[in-house]
């Protein structure tokens, strides 16, 4: 099953964070927070302005992005955990 977001929404797959601190302490799974970065796997066509014109998306598939911890809606597609959020909820692109 494929999922295509509408308008100015993006689908993001969270990336796993390091399970060790800089000092070498291993963090157990129960103490980990959900990662706040991921990779864009799908983008919508773009938002519409007052005149009905489409505003193109700034993000593209494959971009590595940062987003807020409580942003978006979590979904499961084909057994894979994904996150849907608006392009404006993305804080920035990691390069």
Protein backbone atom coordinates (compact mmCIF):
# COMPACT_ATOMS: atom_id res chain seq x y z
CA UNK A 1 0.00 0.00 0.00
CA UNK A 2 1.27 3.48 -0.86
CA UNK A 3 0.23 6.63 0.92
CA UNK A 4 0.16 10.03 -0.80
CA UNK A 5 -0.35 13.07 1.45
CA UNK A 6 -2.63 15.89 0.34
CA UNK A 7 -1.91 19.61 -0.01
CA UNK A 8 0.94 20.85 2.23
CA UNK A 9 1.40 17.67 4.28
CA UNK A 10 4.53 15.50 4.42
CA UNK A 11 5.07 11.89 5.51
CA UNK A 12 8.16 11.31 7.63
CA UNK A 13 9.86 8.15 8.79
CA UNK A 14 11.57 8.69 12.14
CA UNK A 15 15.26 7.85 12.28
CA UNK A 16 16.68 5.94 15.21
CA UNK A 17 18.85 7.90 17.57
CA UNK A 18 22.03 6.74 19.24
CA UNK A 19 21.43 4.50 22.27
CA UNK A 20 24.61 5.69 24.00
CA UNK A 21 25.51 9.02 25.53
CA UNK A 22 28.73 10.83 24.68
CA UNK A 23 30.22 9.41 27.89
CA UNK A 24 29.44 5.83 26.82
CA UNK A 25 26.40 5.19 29.05
CA UNK A 26 23.85 2.93 27.36
CA UNK A 27 20.29 4.27 27.43
CA UNK A 28 17.63 1.56 27.92
CA UNK A 29 14.63 1.47 25.56
CA UNK A 30 12.23 2.46 28.36
CA UNK A 31 14.11 5.73 29.00
CA UNK A 32 14.41 6.78 25.34
CA UNK A 33 12.35 9.60 23.93
CA UNK A 34 10.88 9.45 20.45
CA UNK A 35 13.30 10.86 17.91
CA UNK A 36 12.57 14.34 16.66
CA UNK A 37 14.26 13.89 13.31
CA UNK A 38 13.45 11.80 10.30
CA UNK A 39 13.49 11.40 6.55
CA UNK A 40 10.74 12.68 4.26
CA UNK A 41 9.24 9.73 2.38
CA UNK A 42 6.37 11.54 0.59
CA UNK A 43 5.17 15.11 0.01
CA UNK A 44 1.86 16.61 -1.07
CA UNK A 45 1.32 18.90 -4.02
CA UNK A 46 1.42 22.12 -1.98
CA UNK A 47 -0.92 24.52 -0.22
CA UNK A 48 -3.29 26.85 -2.03
CA UNK A 49 -3.33 30.62 -1.64
CA UNK A 50 -6.44 32.86 -1.55
CA UNK A 51 -6.69 32.85 -5.36
CA UNK A 52 -6.49 29.06 -5.59
CA UNK A 53 -2.93 28.95 -6.93
CA UNK A 54 -0.72 26.14 -5.64
CA UNK A 55 2.26 27.18 -3.52
CA UNK A 56 5.00 24.62 -4.26
CA UNK A 57 6.50 22.57 -1.43
CA UNK A 58 9.98 23.45 -0.17
CA UNK A 59 10.61 19.89 1.09
CA UNK A 60 11.29 16.92 -1.16
CA UNK A 61 11.55 13.18 -0.68
CA UNK A 62 14.80 12.15 0.97
CA UNK A 63 15.28 15.37 2.99
CA UNK A 64 16.49 14.80 6.57
CA UNK A 65 14.39 17.08 8.79
CA UNK A 66 13.86 18.16 12.40
CA UNK A 67 10.36 18.51 13.86
CA UNK A 68 8.75 19.12 17.25
CA UNK A 69 8.39 16.20 19.66
CA UNK A 70 4.60 16.39 19.77
CA UNK A 71 4.02 17.37 16.13
CA UNK A 72 1.96 15.47 13.62
CA UNK A 73 -0.18 12.36 13.54
CA UNK A 74 1.29 8.89 13.84
CA UNK A 75 0.07 6.27 11.36
CA UNK A 76 1.03 2.73 10.39
CA UNK A 77 1.20 1.88 6.67
CA UNK A 78 2.23 -1.61 5.56
CA UNK A 79 3.57 -2.34 9.05
CA UNK A 80 5.78 0.77 9.07
CA UNK A 81 5.37 3.57 11.63
CA UNK A 82 5.15 6.96 9.90
CA UNK A 83 4.33 10.52 10.88
CA UNK A 84 2.14 12.96 8.94
CA UNK A 85 2.59 16.68 9.50
CA UNK A 86 2.17 19.97 7.73
CA UNK A 87 5.20 21.45 6.04
CA UNK A 88 5.03 24.41 8.43
CA UNK A 89 5.48 22.03 11.42
CA UNK A 90 8.93 21.03 10.14
CA UNK A 91 11.56 23.08 11.96
CA UNK A 92 14.37 22.70 9.46
CA UNK A 93 16.36 20.54 7.04
CA UNK A 94 19.61 18.87 8.11
CA UNK A 95 22.31 19.09 5.45
